[in-house]
Full PDB file with SEQRES, HELIX, SHEET, SSBOND, CRYST1, ORIGX, SCALE, CONECT and MASTER records, all heavy atoms in Angstrom:
SEQRES   1 A   43  LYS ILE SER LYS ILE GLU TYR ARG PRO GLY HIS ARG GLY          
SEQRES   2 A   43  SER PRO TYR LEU LYS ILE GLY ASN GLU TRP HIS LEU ILE          
SEQRES   3 A   43  ASN ALA GLU GLU LEU LYS ILE ILE PRO TYR LEU GLN GLU          
SEQRES   4 A   43  GLY ASP SER VAL                                              
HELIX    1 AA1 ALA A   28  TYR A   36  5                                   9    
SHEET    1 AA1 3 ILE A   2  GLU A   6  0                                        
SHEET    2 AA1 3 TYR A  16  ILE A  19 -1                                        
SHEET    3 AA1 3 GLU A  22  LEU A  25 -1                                        
CRYST1    1.000    1.000    1.000  90.00  90.00  90.00 P 1           1          
ORIGX1      1.000000  0.000000  0.000000        0.00000                         
ORIGX2      0.000000  1.000000  0.000000        0.00000                         
ORIGX3      0.000000  0.000000  1.000000        0.00000                         
SCALE1      1.000000  0.000000  0.000000        0.00000                         
SCALE2      0.000000  1.000000  0.000000        0.00000                         
SCALE3      0.000000  0.000000  1.000000        0.00000                         
ATOM      1  N   LYS A   1    -102.874-169.396  11.183  1.00  0.00           N  
ATOM      2  CA  LYS A   1    -101.912-169.202  12.255  1.00  0.00           C  
ATOM      3  C   LYS A   1    -101.195-170.517  12.548  1.00  0.00           C  
ATOM      4  O   LYS A   1    -101.818-171.572  12.635  1.00  0.00           O  
ATOM      5  CB  LYS A   1    -102.633-168.714  13.514  1.00  0.00           C  
ATOM      6  CG  LYS A   1    -101.724-168.320  14.628  1.00  0.00           C  
ATOM      7  CD  LYS A   1    -102.533-167.729  15.762  1.00  0.00           C  
ATOM      8  CE  LYS A   1    -101.617-167.286  16.887  1.00  0.00           C  
ATOM      9  NZ  LYS A   1    -102.368-166.686  17.979  1.00  0.00           N  
ATOM     10  N   ILE A   2     -99.874-170.446  12.686  1.00  0.00           N  
ATOM     11  CA  ILE A   2     -99.072-171.626  12.995  1.00  0.00           C  
ATOM     12  C   ILE A   2     -99.183-171.890  14.484  1.00  0.00           C  
ATOM     13  O   ILE A   2     -98.735-171.083  15.306  1.00  0.00           O  
ATOM     14  CB  ILE A   2     -97.594-171.418  12.603  1.00  0.00           C  
ATOM     15  CG1 ILE A   2     -97.478-171.146  11.114  1.00  0.00           C  
ATOM     16  CG2 ILE A   2     -96.758-172.624  13.012  1.00  0.00           C  
ATOM     17  CD1 ILE A   2     -96.096-170.736  10.664  1.00  0.00           C  
ATOM     18  N   SER A   3     -99.792-173.015  14.840  1.00  0.00           N  
ATOM     19  CA  SER A   3     -99.944-173.340  16.259  1.00  0.00           C  
ATOM     20  C   SER A   3     -98.819-174.244  16.752  1.00  0.00           C  
ATOM     21  O   SER A   3     -98.544-174.287  17.945  1.00  0.00           O  
ATOM     22  CB  SER A   3    -101.300-173.987  16.533  1.00  0.00           C  
ATOM     23  OG  SER A   3    -101.444-175.145  15.755  1.00  0.00           O  
ATOM     24  N   LYS A   4     -98.145-174.945  15.835  1.00  0.00           N  
ATOM     25  CA  LYS A   4     -97.064-175.826  16.248  1.00  0.00           C  
ATOM     26  C   LYS A   4     -96.128-176.085  15.079  1.00  0.00           C  
ATOM     27  O   LYS A   4     -96.564-176.222  13.945  1.00  0.00           O  
ATOM     28  CB  LYS A   4     -97.624-177.146  16.778  1.00  0.00           C  
ATOM     29  CG  LYS A   4     -96.604-178.013  17.453  1.00  0.00           C  
ATOM     30  CD  LYS A   4     -97.271-179.140  18.211  1.00  0.00           C  
ATOM     31  CE  LYS A   4     -96.185-179.877  18.978  1.00  0.00           C  
ATOM     32  NZ  LYS A   4     -96.723-180.932  19.804  1.00  0.00           N  
ATOM     33  N   ILE A   5     -94.823-176.145  15.368  1.00  0.00           N  
ATOM     34  CA  ILE A   5     -93.807-176.521  14.394  1.00  0.00           C  
ATOM     35  C   ILE A   5     -93.150-177.792  14.919  1.00  0.00           C  
ATOM     36  O   ILE A   5     -92.657-177.819  16.043  1.00  0.00           O  
ATOM     37  CB  ILE A   5     -92.751-175.409  14.206  1.00  0.00           C  
ATOM     38  CG1 ILE A   5     -93.407-174.124  13.714  1.00  0.00           C  
ATOM     39  CG2 ILE A   5     -91.662-175.872  13.241  1.00  0.00           C  
ATOM     40  CD1 ILE A   5     -92.477-172.934  13.639  1.00  0.00           C  
ATOM     41  N   GLU A   6     -93.167-178.832  14.092  1.00  0.00           N  
ATOM     42  CA  GLU A   6     -92.674-180.132  14.554  1.00  0.00           C  
ATOM     43  C   GLU A   6     -91.729-180.733  13.523  1.00  0.00           C  
ATOM     44  O   GLU A   6     -92.043-180.787  12.343  1.00  0.00           O  
ATOM     45  CB  GLU A   6     -93.875-181.050  14.768  1.00  0.00           C  
ATOM     46  CG  GLU A   6     -93.558-182.350  15.422  1.00  0.00           C  
ATOM     47  CD  GLU A   6     -94.830-183.123  15.705  1.00  0.00           C  
ATOM     48  OE1 GLU A   6     -95.599-182.687  16.592  1.00  0.00           O  
ATOM     49  OE2 GLU A   6     -95.059-184.147  15.036  1.00  0.00           O  
ATOM     50  N   TYR A   7     -90.548-181.146  13.988  1.00  0.00           N  
ATOM     51  CA  TYR A   7     -89.586-181.836  13.130  1.00  0.00           C  
ATOM     52  C   TYR A   7     -89.732-183.331  13.379  1.00  0.00           C  
ATOM     53  O   TYR A   7     -89.480-183.806  14.474  1.00  0.00           O  
ATOM     54  CB  TYR A   7     -88.159-181.381  13.432  1.00  0.00           C  
ATOM     55  CG  TYR A   7     -87.890-179.980  12.982  1.00  0.00           C  
ATOM     56  CD1 TYR A   7     -88.160-178.893  13.806  1.00  0.00           C  
ATOM     57  CD2 TYR A   7     -87.385-179.728  11.714  1.00  0.00           C  
ATOM     58  CE1 TYR A   7     -87.923-177.601  13.384  1.00  0.00           C  
ATOM     59  CE2 TYR A   7     -87.146-178.435  11.282  1.00  0.00           C  
ATOM     60  CZ  TYR A   7     -87.416-177.381  12.119  1.00  0.00           C  
ATOM     61  OH  TYR A   7     -87.178-176.105  11.701  1.00  0.00           O  
ATOM     62  N   ARG A   8     -90.134-184.068  12.351  1.00  0.00           N  
ATOM     63  CA  ARG A   8     -90.332-185.504  12.479  1.00  0.00           C  
ATOM     64  C   ARG A   8     -89.192-186.239  11.783  1.00  0.00           C  
ATOM     65  O   ARG A   8     -88.633-185.751  10.802  1.00  0.00           O  
ATOM     66  CB  ARG A   8     -91.667-185.909  11.850  1.00  0.00           C  
ATOM     67  CG  ARG A   8     -92.849-185.272  12.526  1.00  0.00           C  
ATOM     68  CD  ARG A   8     -94.138-185.651  11.866  1.00  0.00           C  
ATOM     69  NE  ARG A   8     -95.260-184.948  12.481  1.00  0.00           N  
ATOM     70  CZ  ARG A   8     -96.479-184.961  12.000  1.00  0.00           C  
ATOM     71  NH1 ARG A   8     -96.761-185.629  10.902  1.00  0.00           N  
ATOM     72  NH2 ARG A   8     -97.439-184.289  12.615  1.00  0.00           N  
ATOM     73  N   PRO A   9     -88.854-187.411  12.292  1.00  0.00           N  
ATOM     74  CA  PRO A   9     -87.760-188.170  11.653  1.00  0.00           C  
ATOM     75  C   PRO A   9     -88.131-188.599  10.233  1.00  0.00           C  
ATOM     76  O   PRO A   9     -89.284-188.856   9.930  1.00  0.00           O  
ATOM     77  CB  PRO A   9     -87.582-189.396  12.558  1.00  0.00           C  
ATOM     78  CG  PRO A   9     -88.687-189.375  13.543  1.00  0.00           C  
ATOM     79  CD  PRO A   9     -89.395-188.070  13.457  1.00  0.00           C  
ATOM     80  N   GLY A  10     -87.101-188.636   9.390  1.00  0.00           N  
ATOM     81  CA  GLY A  10     -87.301-189.112   8.026  1.00  0.00           C  
ATOM     82  C   GLY A  10     -87.587-188.034   7.013  1.00  0.00           C  
ATOM     83  O   GLY A  10     -87.786-188.329   5.844  1.00  0.00           O  
ATOM     84  N   HIS A  11     -87.610-186.775   7.425  1.00  0.00           N  
ATOM     85  CA  HIS A  11     -87.908-185.697   6.473  1.00  0.00           C  
ATOM     86  C   HIS A  11     -86.757-184.716   6.307  1.00  0.00           C  
ATOM     87  O   HIS A  11     -86.940-183.607   5.833  1.00  0.00           O  
ATOM     88  CB  HIS A  11     -89.196-184.961   6.873  1.00  0.00           C  
ATOM     89  CG  HIS A  11     -90.405-185.807   6.718  1.00  0.00           C  
ATOM     90  ND1 HIS A  11     -90.942-186.125   5.497  1.00  0.00           N  
ATOM     91  CD2 HIS A  11     -91.161-186.456   7.627  1.00  0.00           C  
ATOM     92  CE1 HIS A  11     -91.986-186.904   5.661  1.00  0.00           C  
ATOM     93  NE2 HIS A  11     -92.146-187.126   6.950  1.00  0.00           N  
ATOM     94  N   ARG A  12     -85.582-185.091   6.762  1.00  0.00           N  
ATOM     95  CA  ARG A  12     -84.324-184.374   6.511  1.00  0.00           C  
ATOM     96  C   ARG A  12     -84.383-182.892   6.834  1.00  0.00           C  
ATOM     97  O   ARG A  12     -83.999-182.040   6.046  1.00  0.00           O  
ATOM     98  CB  ARG A  12     -83.889-184.587   5.078  1.00  0.00           C  
ATOM     99  CG  ARG A  12     -83.688-186.038   4.773  1.00  0.00           C  
ATOM    100  CD  ARG A  12     -83.214-186.275   3.395  1.00  0.00           C  
ATOM    101  NE  ARG A  12     -83.052-187.704   3.218  1.00  0.00           N  
ATOM    102  CZ  ARG A  12     -82.880-188.284   2.082  1.00  0.00           C  
ATOM    103  NH1 ARG A  12     -82.831-187.584   0.988  1.00  0.00           N  
ATOM    104  NH2 ARG A  12     -82.735-189.580   2.004  1.00  0.00           N  
ATOM    105  N   GLY A  13     -84.896-182.567   7.965  1.00  0.00           N  
ATOM    106  CA  GLY A  13     -84.902-181.181   8.424  1.00  0.00           C  
ATOM    107  C   GLY A  13     -86.069-180.350   7.959  1.00  0.00           C  
ATOM    108  O   GLY A  13     -86.124-179.166   8.242  1.00  0.00           O  
ATOM    109  N   SER A  14     -86.983-180.920   7.219  1.00  0.00           N  
ATOM    110  CA  SER A  14     -88.177-180.189   6.797  1.00  0.00           C  
ATOM    111  C   SER A  14     -89.244-180.334   7.876  1.00  0.00           C  
ATOM    112  O   SER A  14     -89.643-181.444   8.205  1.00  0.00           O  
ATOM    113  CB  SER A  14     -88.720-180.740   5.482  1.00  0.00           C  
ATOM    114  OG  SER A  14     -87.808-180.519   4.449  1.00  0.00           O  
ATOM    115  N   PRO A  15     -89.718-179.218   8.406  1.00  0.00           N  
ATOM    116  CA  PRO A  15     -90.690-179.314   9.499  1.00  0.00           C  
ATOM    117  C   PRO A  15     -92.122-179.463   8.998  1.00  0.00           C  
ATOM    118  O   PRO A  15     -92.444-179.141   7.858  1.00  0.00           O  
ATOM    119  CB  PRO A  15     -90.526-177.976  10.203  1.00  0.00           C  
ATOM    120  CG  PRO A  15     -90.146-177.034   9.122  1.00  0.00           C  
ATOM    121  CD  PRO A  15     -89.288-177.840   8.184  1.00  0.00           C  
ATOM    122  N   TYR A  16     -92.949-179.939   9.881  1.00  0.00           N  
ATOM    123  CA  TYR A  16     -94.390-179.927   9.691  1.00  0.00           C  
ATOM    124  C   TYR A  16     -94.924-178.707  10.428  1.00  0.00           C  
ATOM    125  O   TYR A  16     -94.498-178.422  11.547  1.00  0.00           O  
ATOM    126  CB  TYR A  16     -95.036-181.180  10.296  1.00  0.00           C  
ATOM    127  CG  TYR A  16     -94.983-182.394   9.423  1.00  0.00           C  
ATOM    128  CD1 TYR A  16     -93.890-183.236   9.446  1.00  0.00           C  
ATOM    129  CD2 TYR A  16     -96.040-182.703   8.574  1.00  0.00           C  
ATOM    130  CE1 TYR A  16     -93.849-184.371   8.655  1.00  0.00           C  
ATOM    131  CE2 TYR A  16     -96.007-183.835   7.773  1.00  0.00           C  
ATOM    132  CZ  TYR A  16     -94.905-184.662   7.819  1.00  0.00           C  
ATOM    133  OH  TYR A  16     -94.866-185.780   7.027  1.00  0.00           O  
ATOM    134  N   LEU A  17     -95.832-177.986   9.796  1.00  0.00           N  
ATOM    135  CA  LEU A  17     -96.481-176.842  10.421  1.00  0.00           C  
ATOM    136  C   LEU A  17     -97.932-177.204  10.683  1.00  0.00           C  
ATOM    137  O   LEU A  17     -98.619-177.701   9.784  1.00  0.00           O  
ATOM    138  CB  LEU A  17     -96.439-175.616   9.506  1.00  0.00           C  
ATOM    139  CG  LEU A  17     -95.085-175.147   9.004  1.00  0.00           C  
ATOM    140  CD1 LEU A  17     -95.268-173.955   8.082  1.00  0.00           C  
ATOM    141  CD2 LEU A  17     -94.169-174.808  10.149  1.00  0.00           C  
ATOM    142  N   LYS A  18     -98.395-176.942  11.880  1.00  0.00           N  
ATOM    143  CA  LYS A  18     -99.815-177.136  12.167  1.00  0.00           C  
ATOM    144  C   LYS A  18    -100.496-175.798  11.961  1.00  0.00           C  
ATOM    145  O   LYS A  18    -100.312-174.855  12.717  1.00  0.00           O  
ATOM    146  CB  LYS A  18    -100.037-177.645  13.591  1.00  0.00           C  
ATOM    147  CG  LYS A  18    -101.473-178.021  13.843  1.00  0.00           C  
ATOM    148  CD  LYS A  18    -101.661-178.726  15.157  1.00  0.00           C  
ATOM    149  CE  LYS A  18    -103.100-179.195  15.266  1.00  0.00           C  
ATOM    150  NZ  LYS A  18    -103.351-179.842  16.546  1.00  0.00           N  
ATOM    151  N   ILE A  19    -101.250-175.724  10.872  1.00  0.00           N  
ATOM    152  CA  ILE A  19    -101.968-174.509  10.497  1.00  0.00           C  
ATOM    153  C   ILE A  19    -103.449-174.823  10.623  1.00  0.00           C  
ATOM    154  O   ILE A  19    -103.986-175.614   9.857  1.00  0.00           O  
ATOM    155  CB  ILE A  19    -101.619-174.065   9.061  1.00  0.00           C  
ATOM    156  CG1 ILE A  19    -100.110-173.814   8.945  1.00  0.00           C  
ATOM    157  CG2 ILE A  19    -102.401-172.833   8.677  1.00  0.00           C  
ATOM    158  CD1 ILE A  19     -99.644-173.558   7.533  1.00  0.00           C  
ATOM    159  N   GLY A  20    -104.093-174.212  11.591  1.00  0.00           N  
ATOM    160  CA  GLY A  20    -105.484-174.552  11.881  1.00  0.00           C  
ATOM    161  C   GLY A  20    -105.525-175.959  12.461  1.00  0.00           C  
ATOM    162  O   GLY A  20    -104.874-176.250  13.448  1.00  0.00           O  
ATOM    163  N   ASN A  21    -106.256-176.853  11.819  1.00  0.00           N  
ATOM    164  CA  ASN A  21    -106.344-178.245  12.263  1.00  0.00           C  
ATOM    165  C   ASN A  21    -105.551-179.192  11.362  1.00  0.00           C  
ATOM    166  O   ASN A  21    -105.623-180.398  11.532  1.00  0.00           O  
ATOM    167  CB  ASN A  21    -107.802-178.703  12.307  1.00  0.00           C  
ATOM    168  CG  ASN A  21    -108.580-177.973  13.372  1.00  0.00           C  
ATOM    169  OD1 ASN A  21    -108.028-177.643  14.419  1.00  0.00           O  
ATOM    170  ND2 ASN A  21    -109.840-177.709  13.105  1.00  0.00           N  
ATOM    171  N   GLU A  22    -104.809-178.663  10.382  1.00  0.00           N  
ATOM    172  CA  GLU A  22    -104.088-179.487   9.423  1.00  0.00           C  
ATOM    173  C   GLU A  22    -102.590-179.376   9.632  1.00  0.00           C  
ATOM    174  O   GLU A  22    -102.073-178.333  10.030  1.00  0.00           O  
ATOM    175  CB  GLU A  22    -104.408-179.040   7.991  1.00  0.00           C  
ATOM    176  CG  GLU A  22    -105.830-179.203   7.571  1.00  0.00           C  
ATOM    177  CD  GLU A  22    -106.048-178.729   6.143  1.00  0.00           C  
ATOM    178  OE1 GLU A  22    -105.090-178.222   5.516  1.00  0.00           O  
ATOM    179  OE2 GLU A  22    -107.178-178.855   5.665  1.00  0.00           O  
ATOM    180  N   TRP A  23    -101.906-180.469   9.316  1.00  0.00           N  
ATOM    181  CA  TRP A  23    -100.444-180.472   9.307  1.00  0.00           C  
ATOM    182  C   TRP A  23     -99.975-180.294   7.871  1.00  0.00           C  
ATOM    183  O   TRP A  23    -100.486-180.933   6.959  1.00  0.00           O  
ATOM    184  CB  TRP A  23     -99.901-181.782   9.869  1.00  0.00           C  
ATOM    185  CG  TRP A  23    -100.032-181.883  11.346  1.00  0.00           C  
ATOM    186  CD1 TRP A  23    -101.042-182.480  12.029  1.00  0.00           C  
ATOM    187  CD2 TRP A  23     -99.145-181.344  12.317  1.00  0.00           C  
ATOM    188  NE1 TRP A  23    -100.834-182.358  13.383  1.00  0.00           N  
ATOM    189  CE2 TRP A  23     -99.671-181.669  13.596  1.00  0.00           C  
ATOM    190  CE3 TRP A  23     -97.960-180.620  12.261  1.00  0.00           C  
ATOM    191  CZ2 TRP A  23     -99.054-181.304  14.777  1.00  0.00           C  
ATOM    192  CZ3 TRP A  23     -97.341-180.259  13.436  1.00  0.00           C  
ATOM    193  CH2 TRP A  23     -97.874-180.594  14.675  1.00  0.00           C  
ATOM    194  N   HIS A  24     -99.008-179.406   7.667  1.00  0.00           N  
ATOM    195  CA  HIS A  24     -98.480-179.128   6.332  1.00  0.00           C  
ATOM    196  C   HIS A  24     -96.971-179.351   6.360  1.00  0.00           C  
ATOM    197  O   HIS A  24     -96.264-178.745   7.154  1.00  0.00           O  
ATOM    198  CB  HIS A  24     -98.799-177.678   5.937  1.00  0.00           C  
ATOM    199  CG  HIS A  24     -98.216-177.281   4.628  1.00  0.00           C  
ATOM    200  ND1 HIS A  24     -98.740-177.711   3.426  1.00  0.00           N  
ATOM    201  CD2 HIS A  24     -97.143-176.533   4.324  1.00  0.00           C  
ATOM    202  CE1 HIS A  24     -98.007-177.217   2.448  1.00  0.00           C  
ATOM    203  NE2 HIS A  24     -97.033-176.502   2.968  1.00  0.00           N  
ATOM    204  N   LEU A  25     -96.465-180.225   5.483  1.00  0.00           N  
ATOM    205  CA  LEU A  25     -95.037-180.482   5.369  1.00  0.00           C  
ATOM    206  C   LEU A  25     -94.409-179.436   4.464  1.00  0.00           C  
ATOM    207  O   LEU A  25     -94.852-179.227   3.338  1.00  0.00           O  
ATOM    208  CB  LEU A  25     -94.771-181.884   4.810  1.00  0.00           C  
ATOM    209  CG  LEU A  25     -93.308-182.242   4.530  1.00  0.00           C  
ATOM    210  CD1 LEU A  25     -92.502-182.259   5.832  1.00  0.00           C  
ATOM    211  CD2 LEU A  25     -93.206-183.572   3.826  1.00  0.00           C  
ATOM    212  N   ILE A  26     -93.384-178.767   4.966  1.00  0.00           N  
ATOM    213  CA  ILE A  26     -92.650-177.782   4.168  1.00  0.00           C  
ATOM    214  C   ILE A  26     -91.820-178.533   3.140  1.00  0.00           C  
ATOM    215  O   ILE A  26     -91.046-179.415   3.484  1.00  0.00           O  
ATOM    216  CB  ILE A  26     -91.737-176.917   5.072  1.00  0.00           C  
ATOM    217  CG1 ILE A  26     -92.560-176.107   6.055  1.00  0.00           C  
ATOM    218  CG2 ILE A  26     -90.830-176.033   4.254  1.00  0.00           C  
ATOM    219  CD1 ILE A  26     -93.401-175.045   5.422  1.00  0.00           C  
ATOM    220  N   ASN A  27     -91.977-178.188   1.847  1.00  0.00           N  
ATOM    221  CA  ASN A  27     -91.207-178.857   0.807  1.00  0.00           C  
ATOM    222  C   ASN A  27     -90.008-178.014   0.385  1.00  0.00           C  
ATOM    223  O   ASN A  27     -89.748-176.964   0.953  1.00  0.00           O  
ATOM    224  CB  ASN A  27     -92.103-179.218  -0.386  1.00  0.00           C  
ATOM    225  CG  ASN A  27     -92.647-178.004  -1.091  1.00  0.00           C  
ATOM    226  OD1 ASN A  27     -92.081-176.922  -1.042  1.00  0.00           O  
ATOM    227  ND2 ASN A  27     -93.770-178.171  -1.769  1.00  0.00           N  
ATOM    228  N   ALA A  28     -89.303-178.454  -0.621  1.00  0.00           N  
ATOM    229  CA  ALA A  28     -88.052-177.817  -1.035  1.00  0.00           C  
ATOM    230  C   ALA A  28     -88.227-176.352  -1.436  1.00  0.00           C  
ATOM    231  O   ALA A  28     -87.370-175.520  -1.140  1.00  0.00           O  
ATOM    232  CB  ALA A  28     -87.431-178.595  -2.190  1.00  0.00           C  
ATOM    233  N   GLU A  29     -89.320-176.012  -2.094  1.00  0.00           N  
ATOM    234  CA  GLU A  29     -89.546-174.627  -2.510  1.00  0.00           C  
ATOM    235  C   GLU A  29     -89.764-173.700  -1.318  1.00  0.00           C  
ATOM    236  O   GLU A  29     -89.491-172.516  -1.383  1.00  0.00           O  
ATOM    237  CB  GLU A  29     -90.765-174.544  -3.435  1.00  0.00           C  
ATOM    238  CG  GLU A  29     -90.559-175.159  -4.786  1.00  0.00           C  
ATOM    239  CD  GLU A  29     -89.822-174.231  -5.727  1.00  0.00           C  
ATOM    240  OE1 GLU A  29     -89.842-173.015  -5.512  1.00  0.00           O  
ATOM    241  OE2 GLU A  29     -89.223-174.750  -6.677  1.00  0.00           O  
ATOM    242  N   GLU A  30     -90.286-174.242  -0.228  1.00  0.00           N  
ATOM    243  CA  GLU A  30     -90.654-173.424   0.922  1.00  0.00           C  
ATOM    244  C   GLU A  30     -89.571-173.380   1.999  1.00  0.00           C  
ATOM    245  O   GLU A  30     -89.747-172.710   3.008  1.00  0.00           O  
ATOM    246  CB  GLU A  30     -91.941-173.974   1.543  1.00  0.00           C  
ATOM    247  CG  GLU A  30     -93.091-173.999   0.572  1.00  0.00           C  
ATOM    248  CD  GLU A  30     -94.191-174.922   1.004  1.00  0.00           C  
ATOM    249  OE1 GLU A  30     -93.906-176.087   1.336  1.00  0.00           O  
ATOM    250  OE2 GLU A  30     -95.352-174.468   1.015  1.00  0.00           O  
ATOM    251  N   LEU A  31     -88.456-174.058   1.791  1.00  0.00           N  
ATOM    252  CA  LEU A  31     -87.413-174.123   2.819  1.00  0.00           C  
ATOM    253  C   LEU A  31     -86.838-172.753   3.165  1.00  0.00           C  
ATOM    254  O   LEU A  31     -86.299-172.563   4.249  1.00  0.00           O  
ATOM    255  CB  LEU A  31     -86.285-175.061   2.370  1.00  0.00           C  
ATOM    256  CG  LEU A  31     -86.627-176.544   2.376  1.00  0.00           C  
ATOM    257  CD1 LEU A  31     -85.464-177.353   1.821  1.00  0.00           C  
ATOM    258  CD2 LEU A  31     -86.986-177.017   3.761  1.00  0.00           C  
ATOM    259  N   LYS A  32     -86.980-171.793   2.274  1.00  0.00           N  
ATOM    260  CA  LYS A  32     -86.432-170.452   2.521  1.00  0.00           C  
ATOM    261  C   LYS A  32     -87.099-169.743   3.694  1.00  0.00           C  
ATOM    262  O   LYS A  32     -86.541-168.820   4.264  1.00  0.00           O  
ATOM    263  CB  LYS A  32     -86.551-169.613   1.255  1.00  0.00           C  
ATOM    264  CG  LYS A  32     -87.965-169.479   0.738  1.00  0.00           C  
ATOM    265  CD  LYS A  32     -88.013-168.892  -0.653  1.00  0.00           C  
ATOM    266  CE  LYS A  32     -89.376-169.131  -1.253  1.00  0.00           C  
ATOM    267  NZ  LYS A  32     -89.345-169.239  -2.671  1.00  0.00           N  
ATOM    268  N   ILE A  33     -88.289-170.161   4.094  1.00  0.00           N  
ATOM    269  CA  ILE A  33     -88.988-169.469   5.186  1.00  0.00           C  
ATOM    270  C   ILE A  33     -88.715-170.078   6.554  1.00  0.00           C  
ATOM    271  O   ILE A  33     -89.063-169.481   7.564  1.00  0.00           O  
ATOM    272  CB  ILE A  33     -90.512-169.419   4.940  1.00  0.00           C  
ATOM    273  CG1 ILE A  33     -91.138-170.808   5.017  1.00  0.00           C  
ATOM    274  CG2 ILE A  33     -90.838-168.750   3.631  1.00  0.00           C  
ATOM    275  CD1 ILE A  33     -92.645-170.790   5.019  1.00  0.00           C  
ATOM    276  N   ILE A  34     -88.087-171.247   6.620  1.00  0.00           N  
ATOM    277  CA  ILE A  34     -87.893-171.933   7.894  1.00  0.00           C  
ATOM    278  C   ILE A  34     -87.177-171.082   8.943  1.00  0.00           C  
ATOM    279  O   ILE A  34     -87.625-171.011  10.077  1.00  0.00           O  
ATOM    280  CB  ILE A  34     -87.176-173.284   7.692  1.00  0.00           C  
ATOM    281  CG1 ILE A  34     -88.104-174.248   6.976  1.00  0.00           C  
ATOM    282  CG2 ILE A  34     -86.750-173.892   9.019  1.00  0.00           C  
ATOM    283  CD1 ILE A  34     -87.463-175.555   6.611  1.00  0.00           C  
ATOM    284  N   PRO A  35     -86.083-170.402   8.617  1.00  0.00           N  
ATOM    285  CA  PRO A  35     -85.402-169.628   9.672  1.00  0.00           C  
ATOM    286  C   PRO A  35     -86.240-168.478  10.239  1.00  0.00           C  
ATOM    287  O   PRO A  35     -85.942-167.971  11.316  1.00  0.00           O  
ATOM    288  CB  PRO A  35     -84.155-169.073   8.988  1.00  0.00           C  
ATOM    289  CG  PRO A  35     -83.978-169.868   7.752  1.00  0.00           C  
ATOM    290  CD  PRO A  35     -85.327-170.384   7.371  1.00  0.00           C  
ATOM    291  N   TYR A  36     -87.274-168.071   9.534  1.00  0.00           N  
ATOM    292  CA  TYR A  36     -88.066-166.915   9.947  1.00  0.00           C  
ATOM    293  C   TYR A  36     -89.368-167.283  10.647  1.00  0.00           C  
ATOM    294  O   TYR A  36     -90.074-166.401  11.123  1.00  0.00           O  
ATOM    295  CB  TYR A  36     -88.380-166.046   8.728  1.00  0.00           C  
ATOM    296  CG  TYR A  36     -87.149-165.622   7.993  1.00  0.00           C  
ATOM    297  CD1 TYR A  36     -86.739-166.286   6.848  1.00  0.00           C  
ATOM    298  CD2 TYR A  36     -86.356-164.587   8.468  1.00  0.00           C  
ATOM    299  CE1 TYR A  36     -85.579-165.918   6.181  1.00  0.00           C  
ATOM    300  CE2 TYR A  36     -85.195-164.210   7.808  1.00  0.00           C  
ATOM    301  CZ  TYR A  36     -84.816-164.882   6.672  1.00  0.00           C  
ATOM    302  OH  TYR A  36     -83.670-164.519   6.023  1.00  0.00           O  
ATOM    303  N   LEU A  37     -89.716-168.563  10.685  1.00  0.00           N  
ATOM    304  CA  LEU A  37     -90.993-168.973  11.262  1.00  0.00           C  
ATOM    305  C   LEU A  37     -90.903-169.193  12.766  1.00  0.00           C  
ATOM    306  O   LEU A  37     -89.912-169.699  13.273  1.00  0.00           O  
ATOM    307  CB  LEU A  37     -91.482-170.264  10.616  1.00  0.00           C  
ATOM    308  CG  LEU A  37     -91.935-170.178   9.177  1.00  0.00           C  
ATOM    309  CD1 LEU A  37     -92.411-171.541   8.704  1.00  0.00           C  
ATOM    310  CD2 LEU A  37     -93.037-169.163   9.002  1.00  0.00           C  
ATOM    311  N   GLN A  38     -91.979-168.803  13.436  1.00  0.00           N  
ATOM    312  CA  GLN A  38     -92.141-169.069  14.857  1.00  0.00           C  
ATOM    313  C   GLN A  38     -93.588-169.468  15.090  1.00  0.00           C  
ATOM    314  O   GLN A  38     -94.471-169.121  14.312  1.00  0.00           O  
ATOM    315  CB  GLN A  38     -91.838-167.816  15.690  1.00  0.00           C  
ATOM    316  CG  GLN A  38     -90.427-167.342  15.617  1.00  0.00           C  
ATOM    317  CD  GLN A  38     -90.221-166.055  16.407  1.00  0.00           C  
ATOM    318  OE1 GLN A  38     -91.153-165.529  17.013  1.00  0.00           O  
ATOM    319  NE2 GLN A  38     -89.009-165.546  16.399  1.00  0.00           N  
ATOM    320  N   GLU A  39     -93.814-170.178  16.187  1.00  0.00           N  
ATOM    321  CA  GLU A  39     -95.191-170.492  16.545  1.00  0.00           C  
ATOM    322  C   GLU A  39     -95.907-169.192  16.855  1.00  0.00           C  
ATOM    323  O   GLU A  39     -95.355-168.286  17.468  1.00  0.00           O  
ATOM    324  CB  GLU A  39     -95.227-171.435  17.745  1.00  0.00           C  
ATOM    325  CG  GLU A  39     -94.728-172.820  17.410  1.00  0.00           C  
ATOM    326  CD  GLU A  39     -94.781-173.767  18.592  1.00  0.00           C  
ATOM    327  OE1 GLU A  39     -95.325-173.397  19.651  1.00  0.00           O  
ATOM    328  OE2 GLU A  39     -94.267-174.887  18.445  1.00  0.00           O  
ATOM    329  N   GLY A  40     -97.116-169.073  16.383  1.00  0.00           N  
ATOM    330  CA  GLY A  40     -97.897-167.857  16.566  1.00  0.00           C  
ATOM    331  C   GLY A  40     -97.902-166.960  15.339  1.00  0.00           C  
ATOM    332  O   GLY A  40     -98.710-166.034  15.249  1.00  0.00           O  
ATOM    333  N   ASP A  41     -97.006-167.210  14.390  1.00  0.00           N  
ATOM    334  CA  ASP A  41     -97.006-166.447  13.136  1.00  0.00           C  
ATOM    335  C   ASP A  41     -98.190-166.885  12.281  1.00  0.00           C  
ATOM    336  O   ASP A  41     -98.683-167.996  12.390  1.00  0.00           O  
ATOM    337  CB  ASP A  41     -95.729-166.698  12.339  1.00  0.00           C  
ATOM    338  CG  ASP A  41     -94.496-166.096  12.980  1.00  0.00           C  
ATOM    339  OD1 ASP A  41     -94.642-165.336  13.952  1.00  0.00           O  
ATOM    340  OD2 ASP A  41     -93.386-166.400  12.512  1.00  0.00           O  
ATOM    341  N   SER A  42     -98.621-165.986  11.414  1.00  0.00           N  
ATOM    342  CA  SER A  42     -99.625-166.329  10.420  1.00  0.00           C  
ATOM    343  C   SER A  42     -98.931-166.407   9.075  1.00  0.00           C  
ATOM    344  O   SER A  42     -98.056-165.602   8.766  1.00  0.00           O  
ATOM    345  CB  SER A  42    -100.732-165.283  10.368  1.00  0.00           C  
ATOM    346  OG  SER A  42    -101.432-165.275  11.584  1.00  0.00           O  
ATOM    347  N   VAL A  43     -99.316-167.389   8.273  1.00  0.00           N  
ATOM    348  CA  VAL A  43     -98.671-167.606   6.989  1.00  0.00           C  
ATOM    349  C   VAL A  43     -99.746-167.740   5.911  1.00  0.00           C  
ATOM    350  O   VAL A  43    -100.815-168.304   6.149  1.00  0.00           O  
ATOM    351  CB  VAL A  43     -97.743-168.849   7.041  1.00  0.00           C  
ATOM    352  CG1 VAL A  43     -98.510-170.099   7.320  1.00  0.00           C  
ATOM    353  CG2 VAL A  43     -96.917-168.996   5.800  1.00  0.00           C  
TER     354      VAL A  43                                                      
MASTER        0    0    0    1    3    0    0    6  353    1    0    4          
END                                                                             
């Protein structure tokens, strides 16, 4: 479950997703899902 979506400087619009206790950086292949993600979604 995505508990937080965070945009950090230096990553050109790619967000970090907090899934469980880990932060995951969305890379170029995964950019297609960004417009559809919300906090509380499961991925």
